[in-house]
N, C-alpha and C. Protein backbone atom coordinates (compact mmCIF):
# COMPACT_ATOMS: atom_id res chain seq x y z
N MET A 1 -93.61 -107.24 85.81
CA MET A 1 -92.84 -106.04 85.47
C MET A 1 -93.18 -104.93 86.48
N ILE A 2 -92.15 -104.27 86.95
CA ILE A 2 -92.36 -103.10 87.81
C ILE A 2 -92.00 -101.87 86.99
N HIS A 3 -92.97 -100.95 86.92
CA HIS A 3 -92.71 -99.66 86.25
C HIS A 3 -92.82 -98.61 87.36
N PHE A 4 -91.70 -97.95 87.64
CA PHE A 4 -91.60 -96.99 88.73
C PHE A 4 -91.71 -95.60 88.14
N VAL A 5 -92.67 -94.82 88.62
CA VAL A 5 -92.95 -93.46 88.09
C VAL A 5 -92.66 -92.48 89.22
N LEU A 6 -91.71 -91.58 88.95
CA LEU A 6 -91.30 -90.54 89.90
C LEU A 6 -91.67 -89.16 89.39
N GLY A 7 -91.82 -88.21 90.29
CA GLY A 7 -92.06 -86.82 89.89
C GLY A 7 -92.30 -86.00 91.09
N GLY A 8 -92.28 -84.71 90.88
CA GLY A 8 -92.57 -83.76 91.96
C GLY A 8 -94.07 -83.58 92.14
N ALA A 9 -94.42 -82.72 93.11
CA ALA A 9 -95.85 -82.41 93.35
C ALA A 9 -96.45 -81.79 92.09
N ARG A 10 -97.59 -82.30 91.73
CA ARG A 10 -98.36 -81.78 90.58
C ARG A 10 -97.61 -81.86 89.26
N SER A 11 -96.74 -82.91 89.14
CA SER A 11 -95.94 -83.08 87.93
C SER A 11 -96.71 -83.82 86.83
N GLY A 12 -97.80 -84.49 87.19
CA GLY A 12 -98.54 -85.31 86.26
C GLY A 12 -98.20 -86.79 86.38
N LYS A 13 -97.47 -87.13 87.43
CA LYS A 13 -97.03 -88.56 87.58
C LYS A 13 -98.18 -89.49 87.81
N SER A 14 -99.19 -89.13 88.61
CA SER A 14 -100.31 -90.02 88.86
C SER A 14 -101.14 -90.19 87.60
N ARG A 15 -101.37 -89.17 86.88
CA ARG A 15 -102.15 -89.28 85.61
C ARG A 15 -101.43 -90.16 84.64
N PHE A 16 -100.10 -89.98 84.52
CA PHE A 16 -99.29 -90.81 83.61
C PHE A 16 -99.36 -92.29 84.06
N ALA A 17 -99.18 -92.51 85.37
CA ALA A 17 -99.23 -93.87 85.88
C ALA A 17 -100.57 -94.52 85.67
N GLU A 18 -101.65 -93.79 85.86
CA GLU A 18 -102.98 -94.33 85.63
C GLU A 18 -103.14 -94.75 84.15
N LYS A 19 -102.68 -93.95 83.26
CA LYS A 19 -102.76 -94.28 81.83
C LYS A 19 -101.94 -95.53 81.49
N GLN A 20 -100.73 -95.62 82.09
CA GLN A 20 -99.89 -96.76 81.85
C GLN A 20 -100.51 -98.05 82.38
N THR A 21 -101.13 -97.95 83.54
CA THR A 21 -101.80 -99.11 84.15
C THR A 21 -102.98 -99.57 83.34
N LEU A 22 -103.81 -98.63 82.93
CA LEU A 22 -104.99 -98.97 82.14
C LEU A 22 -104.60 -99.58 80.77
N LEU A 23 -103.54 -99.04 80.17
CA LEU A 23 -103.06 -99.58 78.90
C LEU A 23 -102.60 -101.02 79.06
N LEU A 24 -101.84 -101.28 80.09
CA LEU A 24 -101.37 -102.67 80.36
C LEU A 24 -102.58 -103.59 80.64
N ALA A 25 -103.54 -103.11 81.43
CA ALA A 25 -104.69 -103.92 81.77
C ALA A 25 -105.51 -104.23 80.50
N ARG A 26 -105.70 -103.26 79.63
CA ARG A 26 -106.43 -103.50 78.38
C ARG A 26 -105.71 -104.47 77.45
N GLN A 27 -104.38 -104.24 77.32
CA GLN A 27 -103.60 -105.09 76.42
C GLN A 27 -103.63 -106.53 76.90
N GLN A 28 -103.67 -106.77 78.19
CA GLN A 28 -103.62 -108.12 78.73
C GLN A 28 -104.99 -108.66 79.16
N ASN A 29 -106.02 -107.83 78.90
CA ASN A 29 -107.41 -108.21 79.31
C ASN A 29 -107.44 -108.60 80.76
N LYS A 30 -106.96 -107.69 81.60
CA LYS A 30 -106.88 -107.88 83.05
C LYS A 30 -107.58 -106.74 83.76
N GLN A 31 -107.88 -106.96 85.03
CA GLN A 31 -108.48 -105.94 85.88
C GLN A 31 -107.43 -104.94 86.36
N ALA A 32 -107.76 -103.63 86.28
CA ALA A 32 -106.91 -102.59 86.83
C ALA A 32 -107.25 -102.43 88.29
N VAL A 33 -106.24 -102.52 89.16
CA VAL A 33 -106.43 -102.41 90.60
C VAL A 33 -105.64 -101.21 91.14
N TYR A 34 -106.33 -100.32 91.79
CA TYR A 34 -105.73 -99.11 92.32
C TYR A 34 -105.45 -99.33 93.80
N ILE A 35 -104.18 -99.35 94.22
CA ILE A 35 -103.82 -99.47 95.60
C ILE A 35 -103.52 -98.08 96.11
N ALA A 36 -104.38 -97.55 96.96
CA ALA A 36 -104.26 -96.19 97.47
C ALA A 36 -103.67 -96.23 98.89
N THR A 37 -102.67 -95.38 99.09
CA THR A 37 -102.03 -95.32 100.43
C THR A 37 -102.40 -94.08 101.21
N ALA A 38 -103.12 -93.15 100.61
CA ALA A 38 -103.47 -91.90 101.29
C ALA A 38 -104.43 -92.09 102.45
N THR A 39 -104.32 -91.29 103.45
CA THR A 39 -105.22 -91.27 104.56
C THR A 39 -105.75 -89.85 104.69
N ALA A 40 -107.01 -89.75 105.02
CA ALA A 40 -107.69 -88.46 105.18
C ALA A 40 -107.41 -87.90 106.57
N ILE A 41 -106.25 -87.30 106.73
CA ILE A 41 -105.86 -86.82 108.04
C ILE A 41 -106.39 -85.40 108.33
N ASP A 42 -106.82 -84.71 107.29
CA ASP A 42 -107.41 -83.37 107.48
C ASP A 42 -108.34 -83.07 106.30
N ASP A 43 -109.02 -81.93 106.33
CA ASP A 43 -109.97 -81.56 105.27
C ASP A 43 -109.29 -81.42 103.91
N GLU A 44 -108.10 -80.86 103.88
CA GLU A 44 -107.40 -80.67 102.59
C GLU A 44 -107.09 -82.02 101.97
N MET A 45 -106.59 -82.95 102.78
CA MET A 45 -106.23 -84.26 102.26
C MET A 45 -107.49 -85.03 101.83
N THR A 46 -108.58 -84.88 102.59
CA THR A 46 -109.84 -85.49 102.19
C THR A 46 -110.26 -84.94 100.83
N ASP A 47 -110.15 -83.64 100.59
CA ASP A 47 -110.49 -83.06 99.30
C ASP A 47 -109.60 -83.61 98.18
N ARG A 48 -108.32 -83.82 98.43
CA ARG A 48 -107.42 -84.40 97.43
C ARG A 48 -107.83 -85.84 97.08
N ILE A 49 -108.16 -86.61 98.08
CA ILE A 49 -108.56 -87.97 97.85
C ILE A 49 -109.87 -88.00 97.00
N ILE A 50 -110.80 -87.18 97.39
CA ILE A 50 -112.08 -87.13 96.63
C ILE A 50 -111.84 -86.70 95.18
N GLN A 51 -110.94 -85.73 94.99
CA GLN A 51 -110.61 -85.28 93.65
C GLN A 51 -109.99 -86.42 92.79
N HIS A 52 -109.07 -87.15 93.36
CA HIS A 52 -108.48 -88.27 92.66
C HIS A 52 -109.56 -89.33 92.30
N GLN A 53 -110.43 -89.62 93.26
CA GLN A 53 -111.56 -90.58 93.01
C GLN A 53 -112.44 -90.09 91.89
N ASN A 54 -112.84 -88.82 91.99
CA ASN A 54 -113.73 -88.25 90.95
C ASN A 54 -113.08 -88.22 89.59
N ASP A 55 -111.79 -87.95 89.52
CA ASP A 55 -111.06 -87.93 88.23
C ASP A 55 -111.16 -89.32 87.64
N ARG A 56 -110.94 -90.34 88.40
CA ARG A 56 -110.97 -91.71 87.84
C ARG A 56 -112.37 -92.06 87.38
N VAL A 57 -113.39 -91.74 88.15
CA VAL A 57 -114.78 -92.06 87.82
C VAL A 57 -115.23 -91.26 86.61
N SER A 58 -114.85 -90.00 86.51
CA SER A 58 -115.31 -89.18 85.39
C SER A 58 -114.77 -89.65 84.04
N LYS A 59 -113.68 -90.33 84.06
CA LYS A 59 -113.08 -90.87 82.78
C LYS A 59 -113.77 -92.19 82.38
N GLY A 60 -114.58 -92.76 83.28
CA GLY A 60 -115.32 -93.98 82.96
C GLY A 60 -114.43 -95.20 83.05
N ASP A 61 -113.26 -95.10 83.56
CA ASP A 61 -112.39 -96.28 83.70
C ASP A 61 -112.84 -97.14 84.88
N LYS A 62 -112.68 -98.41 84.74
CA LYS A 62 -113.13 -99.37 85.75
C LYS A 62 -111.92 -99.75 86.57
N TRP A 63 -111.91 -99.33 87.82
CA TRP A 63 -110.84 -99.65 88.76
C TRP A 63 -111.42 -100.44 89.91
N GLN A 64 -110.66 -101.42 90.39
CA GLN A 64 -110.92 -101.99 91.68
C GLN A 64 -110.06 -101.23 92.65
N LEU A 65 -110.59 -100.81 93.80
CA LEU A 65 -109.86 -99.96 94.75
C LEU A 65 -109.51 -100.80 95.98
N ILE A 66 -108.25 -100.69 96.39
CA ILE A 66 -107.77 -101.24 97.66
C ILE A 66 -107.14 -100.11 98.42
N GLU A 67 -107.67 -99.81 99.58
CA GLU A 67 -107.03 -98.76 100.44
C GLU A 67 -106.12 -99.46 101.42
N CYS A 68 -104.83 -99.03 101.31
CA CYS A 68 -103.79 -99.72 102.11
C CYS A 68 -102.76 -98.71 102.59
N PRO A 69 -103.06 -98.01 103.66
CA PRO A 69 -102.13 -97.00 104.15
C PRO A 69 -100.89 -97.52 104.85
N LEU A 70 -100.90 -98.75 105.39
CA LEU A 70 -99.77 -99.24 106.17
C LEU A 70 -99.26 -100.61 105.73
N THR A 71 -100.10 -101.57 105.57
CA THR A 71 -99.69 -102.99 105.41
C THR A 71 -99.50 -103.34 103.96
N LEU A 72 -98.75 -102.55 103.26
CA LEU A 72 -98.59 -102.68 101.80
C LEU A 72 -97.95 -103.99 101.39
N ALA A 73 -96.86 -104.38 102.02
CA ALA A 73 -96.19 -105.62 101.64
C ALA A 73 -97.13 -106.81 101.86
N GLN A 74 -97.82 -106.84 102.97
CA GLN A 74 -98.71 -107.92 103.26
C GLN A 74 -99.87 -107.96 102.24
N GLN A 75 -100.34 -106.80 101.89
CA GLN A 75 -101.43 -106.71 100.88
C GLN A 75 -100.97 -107.31 99.55
N LEU A 76 -99.78 -106.90 99.11
CA LEU A 76 -99.27 -107.42 97.83
C LEU A 76 -99.04 -108.92 97.89
N MET A 77 -98.60 -109.44 99.00
CA MET A 77 -98.36 -110.89 99.13
C MET A 77 -99.66 -111.67 99.13
N ASN A 78 -100.74 -111.06 99.55
CA ASN A 78 -102.01 -111.75 99.64
C ASN A 78 -102.92 -111.62 98.41
N GLU A 79 -102.48 -110.80 97.46
CA GLU A 79 -103.35 -110.54 96.28
C GLU A 79 -103.35 -111.72 95.32
N GLU A 80 -104.47 -111.89 94.65
CA GLU A 80 -104.58 -112.83 93.50
C GLU A 80 -103.88 -112.12 92.36
N GLN A 81 -102.67 -112.54 92.02
CA GLN A 81 -101.83 -111.73 91.14
C GLN A 81 -102.03 -111.96 89.66
N GLY A 82 -102.52 -113.07 89.26
CA GLY A 82 -102.52 -113.41 87.85
C GLY A 82 -103.45 -112.58 86.95
N ASP A 83 -104.57 -112.14 87.47
CA ASP A 83 -105.58 -111.50 86.63
C ASP A 83 -105.61 -109.97 86.77
N CYS A 84 -104.61 -109.39 87.36
CA CYS A 84 -104.66 -107.97 87.68
C CYS A 84 -103.41 -107.24 87.24
N VAL A 85 -103.57 -105.96 86.95
CA VAL A 85 -102.43 -105.03 86.82
C VAL A 85 -102.65 -103.99 87.90
N TYR A 86 -101.61 -103.75 88.68
CA TYR A 86 -101.75 -102.90 89.85
C TYR A 86 -101.12 -101.49 89.62
N LEU A 87 -101.81 -100.53 90.24
CA LEU A 87 -101.26 -99.16 90.35
C LEU A 87 -101.12 -98.88 91.82
N LEU A 88 -99.93 -98.60 92.29
CA LEU A 88 -99.72 -98.27 93.69
C LEU A 88 -99.41 -96.75 93.74
N ASP A 89 -100.31 -96.03 94.37
CA ASP A 89 -100.18 -94.55 94.41
C ASP A 89 -100.40 -94.13 95.87
N CYS A 90 -99.44 -93.77 96.66
CA CYS A 90 -98.05 -93.60 96.24
C CYS A 90 -97.14 -94.02 97.42
N LEU A 91 -95.87 -94.30 97.09
CA LEU A 91 -94.92 -94.76 98.08
C LEU A 91 -94.61 -93.72 99.13
N THR A 92 -94.56 -92.49 98.76
CA THR A 92 -94.14 -91.45 99.72
C THR A 92 -95.25 -91.26 100.80
N LEU A 93 -96.52 -91.40 100.40
CA LEU A 93 -97.58 -91.36 101.41
C LEU A 93 -97.47 -92.58 102.35
N TRP A 94 -97.25 -93.73 101.73
CA TRP A 94 -97.09 -94.95 102.57
C TRP A 94 -95.92 -94.73 103.56
N LEU A 95 -94.80 -94.21 103.12
CA LEU A 95 -93.68 -94.00 104.01
C LEU A 95 -94.06 -92.99 105.11
N ASN A 96 -94.77 -91.94 104.71
CA ASN A 96 -95.22 -90.97 105.71
C ASN A 96 -96.14 -91.62 106.74
N ASN A 97 -97.03 -92.50 106.28
CA ASN A 97 -97.89 -93.22 107.20
C ASN A 97 -97.10 -94.09 108.16
N GLN A 98 -96.03 -94.74 107.62
CA GLN A 98 -95.16 -95.56 108.50
C GLN A 98 -94.49 -94.68 109.57
N LEU A 99 -93.97 -93.56 109.16
CA LEU A 99 -93.29 -92.65 110.10
C LEU A 99 -94.28 -92.10 111.12
N PHE A 100 -95.46 -91.70 110.62
CA PHE A 100 -96.50 -91.16 111.51
C PHE A 100 -96.96 -92.20 112.58
N SER A 101 -97.01 -93.45 112.13
CA SER A 101 -97.45 -94.55 113.02
C SER A 101 -96.45 -94.74 114.21
N ARG A 102 -95.27 -94.22 114.05
CA ARG A 102 -94.24 -94.42 115.07
C ARG A 102 -93.74 -93.05 115.62
N GLN A 103 -94.58 -92.03 115.51
CA GLN A 103 -94.17 -90.69 115.88
C GLN A 103 -93.78 -90.54 117.34
N LYS A 104 -94.33 -91.38 118.23
CA LYS A 104 -94.01 -91.30 119.63
C LYS A 104 -92.71 -92.05 119.99
N ASN A 105 -92.19 -92.80 119.03
CA ASN A 105 -90.97 -93.56 119.25
C ASN A 105 -89.73 -92.67 119.07
N SER A 106 -88.60 -93.16 119.56
CA SER A 106 -87.34 -92.44 119.38
C SER A 106 -86.95 -92.44 117.90
N SER A 107 -86.05 -91.62 117.53
CA SER A 107 -85.54 -91.58 116.16
C SER A 107 -84.95 -92.93 115.75
N GLU A 108 -84.20 -93.51 116.66
CA GLU A 108 -83.58 -94.83 116.38
C GLU A 108 -84.65 -95.90 116.15
N GLU A 109 -85.68 -95.90 116.96
CA GLU A 109 -86.80 -96.86 116.80
C GLU A 109 -87.53 -96.64 115.48
N GLN A 110 -87.71 -95.38 115.13
CA GLN A 110 -88.39 -95.03 113.87
C GLN A 110 -87.52 -95.52 112.70
N GLN A 111 -86.25 -95.31 112.76
CA GLN A 111 -85.40 -95.78 111.68
C GLN A 111 -85.38 -97.28 111.54
N LEU A 112 -85.33 -97.99 112.65
CA LEU A 112 -85.39 -99.48 112.61
C LEU A 112 -86.71 -99.93 111.96
N HIS A 113 -87.79 -99.29 112.35
CA HIS A 113 -89.11 -99.60 111.78
C HIS A 113 -89.12 -99.35 110.31
N LEU A 114 -88.64 -98.19 109.86
CA LEU A 114 -88.65 -97.86 108.44
C LEU A 114 -87.79 -98.84 107.64
N LYS A 115 -86.60 -99.18 108.14
CA LYS A 115 -85.74 -100.13 107.48
C LYS A 115 -86.41 -101.46 107.30
N ALA A 116 -87.05 -101.95 108.37
CA ALA A 116 -87.74 -103.25 108.30
C ALA A 116 -88.89 -103.25 107.33
N GLU A 117 -89.71 -102.19 107.37
CA GLU A 117 -90.86 -102.07 106.46
C GLU A 117 -90.40 -101.98 105.00
N ILE A 118 -89.35 -101.19 104.72
CA ILE A 118 -88.87 -101.06 103.36
C ILE A 118 -88.32 -102.40 102.88
N LYS A 119 -87.55 -103.09 103.73
CA LYS A 119 -87.04 -104.39 103.31
C LYS A 119 -88.14 -105.38 102.99
N THR A 120 -89.16 -105.42 103.83
CA THR A 120 -90.33 -106.30 103.59
C THR A 120 -91.03 -105.89 102.29
N LEU A 121 -91.20 -104.64 102.06
CA LEU A 121 -91.86 -104.21 100.82
C LEU A 121 -91.05 -104.58 99.57
N ILE A 122 -89.75 -104.36 99.63
CA ILE A 122 -88.89 -104.67 98.46
C ILE A 122 -88.96 -106.18 98.20
N THR A 123 -88.95 -107.01 99.27
CA THR A 123 -89.06 -108.44 99.05
C THR A 123 -90.42 -108.78 98.44
N ALA A 124 -91.48 -108.18 98.90
CA ALA A 124 -92.83 -108.45 98.34
C ALA A 124 -92.90 -108.04 96.85
N LEU A 125 -92.28 -106.92 96.50
CA LEU A 125 -92.27 -106.46 95.11
C LEU A 125 -91.45 -107.39 94.26
N MET A 126 -90.34 -107.87 94.74
CA MET A 126 -89.48 -108.77 93.97
C MET A 126 -90.20 -110.12 93.72
N ASN A 127 -91.10 -110.49 94.60
CA ASN A 127 -91.79 -111.77 94.47
C ASN A 127 -93.18 -111.64 93.84
N LEU A 128 -93.55 -110.43 93.52
CA LEU A 128 -94.88 -110.19 92.90
C LEU A 128 -94.91 -110.78 91.51
N ASN A 129 -95.93 -111.56 91.25
CA ASN A 129 -96.09 -112.17 89.95
C ASN A 129 -97.17 -111.46 89.15
N ALA A 130 -97.00 -110.15 89.01
CA ALA A 130 -97.99 -109.33 88.28
C ALA A 130 -97.27 -108.01 87.86
N ASP A 131 -97.92 -107.36 86.89
CA ASP A 131 -97.41 -106.04 86.51
C ASP A 131 -97.91 -105.02 87.52
N ILE A 132 -97.00 -104.10 87.88
CA ILE A 132 -97.35 -103.05 88.82
C ILE A 132 -96.70 -101.74 88.41
N VAL A 133 -97.45 -100.68 88.47
CA VAL A 133 -96.91 -99.34 88.24
C VAL A 133 -96.97 -98.69 89.63
N ILE A 134 -95.82 -98.17 90.01
CA ILE A 134 -95.62 -97.57 91.36
C ILE A 134 -95.31 -96.09 91.21
N VAL A 135 -96.06 -95.28 91.93
CA VAL A 135 -95.87 -93.82 91.92
C VAL A 135 -95.17 -93.42 93.21
N SER A 136 -94.21 -92.46 93.06
CA SER A 136 -93.53 -91.91 94.23
C SER A 136 -93.09 -90.48 93.91
N ASN A 137 -93.00 -89.69 94.98
CA ASN A 137 -92.54 -88.32 94.81
C ASN A 137 -91.00 -88.29 94.82
N GLU A 138 -90.45 -87.48 93.97
CA GLU A 138 -89.01 -87.23 94.04
C GLU A 138 -88.87 -86.00 94.92
N VAL A 139 -88.43 -86.23 96.16
CA VAL A 139 -88.42 -85.14 97.14
C VAL A 139 -86.99 -84.58 97.38
N GLY A 140 -86.00 -85.21 96.76
CA GLY A 140 -84.62 -84.84 97.04
C GLY A 140 -84.05 -83.70 96.19
N LEU A 141 -84.87 -83.02 95.42
CA LEU A 141 -84.39 -81.97 94.59
C LEU A 141 -84.55 -80.59 95.17
N GLY A 142 -85.13 -80.49 96.36
CA GLY A 142 -85.42 -79.21 96.94
C GLY A 142 -84.45 -78.80 98.01
N VAL A 143 -84.86 -77.88 98.85
CA VAL A 143 -84.09 -77.32 99.92
C VAL A 143 -83.98 -78.41 101.00
N ILE A 144 -82.84 -78.48 101.67
CA ILE A 144 -82.68 -79.41 102.79
C ILE A 144 -83.60 -78.96 103.90
N PRO A 145 -84.48 -79.84 104.33
CA PRO A 145 -85.52 -79.44 105.30
C PRO A 145 -84.95 -79.20 106.70
N LEU A 146 -85.63 -78.31 107.44
CA LEU A 146 -85.30 -78.08 108.81
C LEU A 146 -86.00 -79.14 109.68
N GLY A 147 -85.39 -79.54 110.71
CA GLY A 147 -86.05 -80.46 111.67
C GLY A 147 -85.67 -81.91 111.40
N GLU A 148 -85.37 -82.61 112.50
CA GLU A 148 -84.90 -83.99 112.40
C GLU A 148 -85.90 -84.92 111.71
N SER A 149 -87.21 -84.85 112.07
CA SER A 149 -88.17 -85.78 111.52
C SER A 149 -88.35 -85.50 110.05
N THR A 150 -88.34 -84.26 109.60
CA THR A 150 -88.48 -83.98 108.20
C THR A 150 -87.29 -84.47 107.38
N ARG A 151 -86.07 -84.25 107.93
CA ARG A 151 -84.86 -84.78 107.28
C ARG A 151 -84.89 -86.31 107.21
N LEU A 152 -85.33 -86.94 108.30
CA LEU A 152 -85.49 -88.39 108.33
C LEU A 152 -86.41 -88.85 107.23
N TYR A 153 -87.53 -88.18 107.06
CA TYR A 153 -88.51 -88.53 106.02
C TYR A 153 -87.89 -88.39 104.61
N VAL A 154 -87.24 -87.26 104.36
CA VAL A 154 -86.65 -87.05 103.06
C VAL A 154 -85.52 -88.07 102.78
N ASP A 155 -84.70 -88.39 103.76
CA ASP A 155 -83.63 -89.38 103.60
C ASP A 155 -84.27 -90.75 103.23
N TYR A 156 -85.24 -91.17 103.99
CA TYR A 156 -85.85 -92.50 103.71
C TYR A 156 -86.63 -92.48 102.39
N CYS A 157 -87.24 -91.38 102.03
CA CYS A 157 -87.86 -91.34 100.69
C CYS A 157 -86.81 -91.58 99.61
N GLY A 158 -85.67 -90.95 99.73
CA GLY A 158 -84.62 -91.13 98.79
C GLY A 158 -84.10 -92.56 98.72
N TRP A 159 -83.88 -93.11 99.91
CA TRP A 159 -83.39 -94.52 99.95
C TRP A 159 -84.43 -95.53 99.42
N LEU A 160 -85.69 -95.29 99.78
CA LEU A 160 -86.77 -96.12 99.29
C LEU A 160 -86.85 -96.04 97.77
N ASN A 161 -86.82 -94.82 97.21
CA ASN A 161 -86.88 -94.65 95.75
C ASN A 161 -85.70 -95.36 95.05
N GLN A 162 -84.52 -95.26 95.64
CA GLN A 162 -83.35 -95.94 95.04
C GLN A 162 -83.57 -97.45 94.99
N GLN A 163 -84.06 -98.01 96.07
CA GLN A 163 -84.23 -99.46 96.13
C GLN A 163 -85.31 -99.92 95.15
N VAL A 164 -86.41 -99.19 95.04
CA VAL A 164 -87.46 -99.56 94.12
C VAL A 164 -86.97 -99.40 92.69
N ALA A 165 -86.24 -98.32 92.38
CA ALA A 165 -85.72 -98.12 91.06
C ALA A 165 -84.78 -99.25 90.65
N GLU A 166 -83.99 -99.74 91.60
CA GLU A 166 -83.03 -100.78 91.32
C GLU A 166 -83.72 -102.08 90.87
N ILE A 167 -84.86 -102.41 91.47
CA ILE A 167 -85.53 -103.64 91.11
C ILE A 167 -86.57 -103.49 90.02
N SER A 168 -86.77 -102.25 89.56
CA SER A 168 -87.76 -101.96 88.49
C SER A 168 -87.19 -102.22 87.13
N GLN A 169 -88.03 -102.69 86.23
CA GLN A 169 -87.62 -102.85 84.84
C GLN A 169 -87.70 -101.56 84.07
N GLN A 170 -88.60 -100.68 84.56
CA GLN A 170 -88.75 -99.36 83.87
C GLN A 170 -88.89 -98.33 84.93
N VAL A 171 -88.20 -97.20 84.73
CA VAL A 171 -88.30 -96.05 85.63
C VAL A 171 -88.54 -94.80 84.73
N THR A 172 -89.58 -94.03 85.08
CA THR A 172 -89.97 -92.87 84.34
C THR A 172 -90.01 -91.67 85.33
N LEU A 173 -89.42 -90.57 84.92
CA LEU A 173 -89.52 -89.29 85.64
C LEU A 173 -90.51 -88.42 84.90
N VAL A 174 -91.49 -87.92 85.60
CA VAL A 174 -92.51 -87.02 84.98
C VAL A 174 -92.29 -85.65 85.54
N THR A 175 -92.07 -84.70 84.61
CA THR A 175 -91.87 -83.30 84.98
C THR A 175 -92.75 -82.48 84.04
N ALA A 176 -93.57 -81.59 84.58
CA ALA A 176 -94.47 -80.73 83.85
C ALA A 176 -95.34 -81.55 82.88
N GLY A 177 -95.74 -82.75 83.33
CA GLY A 177 -96.59 -83.59 82.53
C GLY A 177 -95.88 -84.36 81.43
N ILE A 178 -94.53 -84.22 81.35
CA ILE A 178 -93.81 -84.86 80.28
C ILE A 178 -92.99 -86.01 80.90
N PRO A 179 -93.21 -87.24 80.37
CA PRO A 179 -92.47 -88.41 80.87
C PRO A 179 -91.09 -88.52 80.26
N LEU A 180 -90.12 -88.81 81.07
CA LEU A 180 -88.75 -89.01 80.61
C LEU A 180 -88.31 -90.38 81.10
N THR A 181 -87.97 -91.29 80.21
CA THR A 181 -87.54 -92.63 80.57
C THR A 181 -86.12 -92.59 81.12
N LEU A 182 -85.98 -93.03 82.37
CA LEU A 182 -84.65 -93.09 83.02
C LEU A 182 -84.04 -94.48 82.89
N LYS A 183 -84.91 -95.51 82.88
CA LYS A 183 -84.46 -96.86 82.81
C LYS A 183 -85.51 -97.68 82.06
N SER A 184 -85.03 -98.50 81.14
CA SER A 184 -85.90 -99.34 80.40
C SER A 184 -85.23 -100.66 80.08
N SER A 185 -85.77 -101.73 80.60
CA SER A 185 -85.22 -103.05 80.34
C SER A 185 -86.10 -103.74 79.32
N PRO A 186 -85.46 -104.43 78.40
CA PRO A 186 -86.30 -105.12 77.40
C PRO A 186 -87.16 -106.19 78.08
N VAL A 187 -88.37 -106.34 77.60
CA VAL A 187 -89.28 -107.37 78.10
C VAL A 187 -88.80 -108.77 77.57
N THR A 188 -88.67 -109.69 78.49
CA THR A 188 -88.28 -111.04 78.07
C THR A 188 -89.52 -111.96 78.03
N CYS A 189 -89.58 -112.86 77.09
CA CYS A 189 -90.71 -113.76 76.97
C CYS A 189 -90.34 -115.14 77.46
């Protein structure tokens, strides 16, 4: 089952997704695995990563951590899927990492790279034989950004979110810490 959790910055989406992942792991007597896509590119981001780590540790929850800033599809395909429930936090950072890894390329080359990586990721998610909760930012509700690279990022975030939502059994929007179910498919046995 794929549970896709969307929200804006500081909306409570990660906290909600963590709770959902731990609940599934406990119900199924499985290991909770945290797949982190953030990279410590500056002091502020380092502080955010440390805060997320400390929040998880202070609650006493047992997480296995996988740091995966770029090769997400490959990581998912190589995982032992049966005994784990995954939390992927977050898609927008992964997409940013993909774009940043090709920053010296032309816009056309960047777009080809993003399309290929998204397609590979969607295929890996569709073939995943495990429960996964995926976090992503909803970035399309704000002002249209200035600059080609920023617009490219926002466009691909929107397209990525649409594709993940389409293959997800459940989609939740979190706003001000309140979850709102956008899509819910009945669980089949």
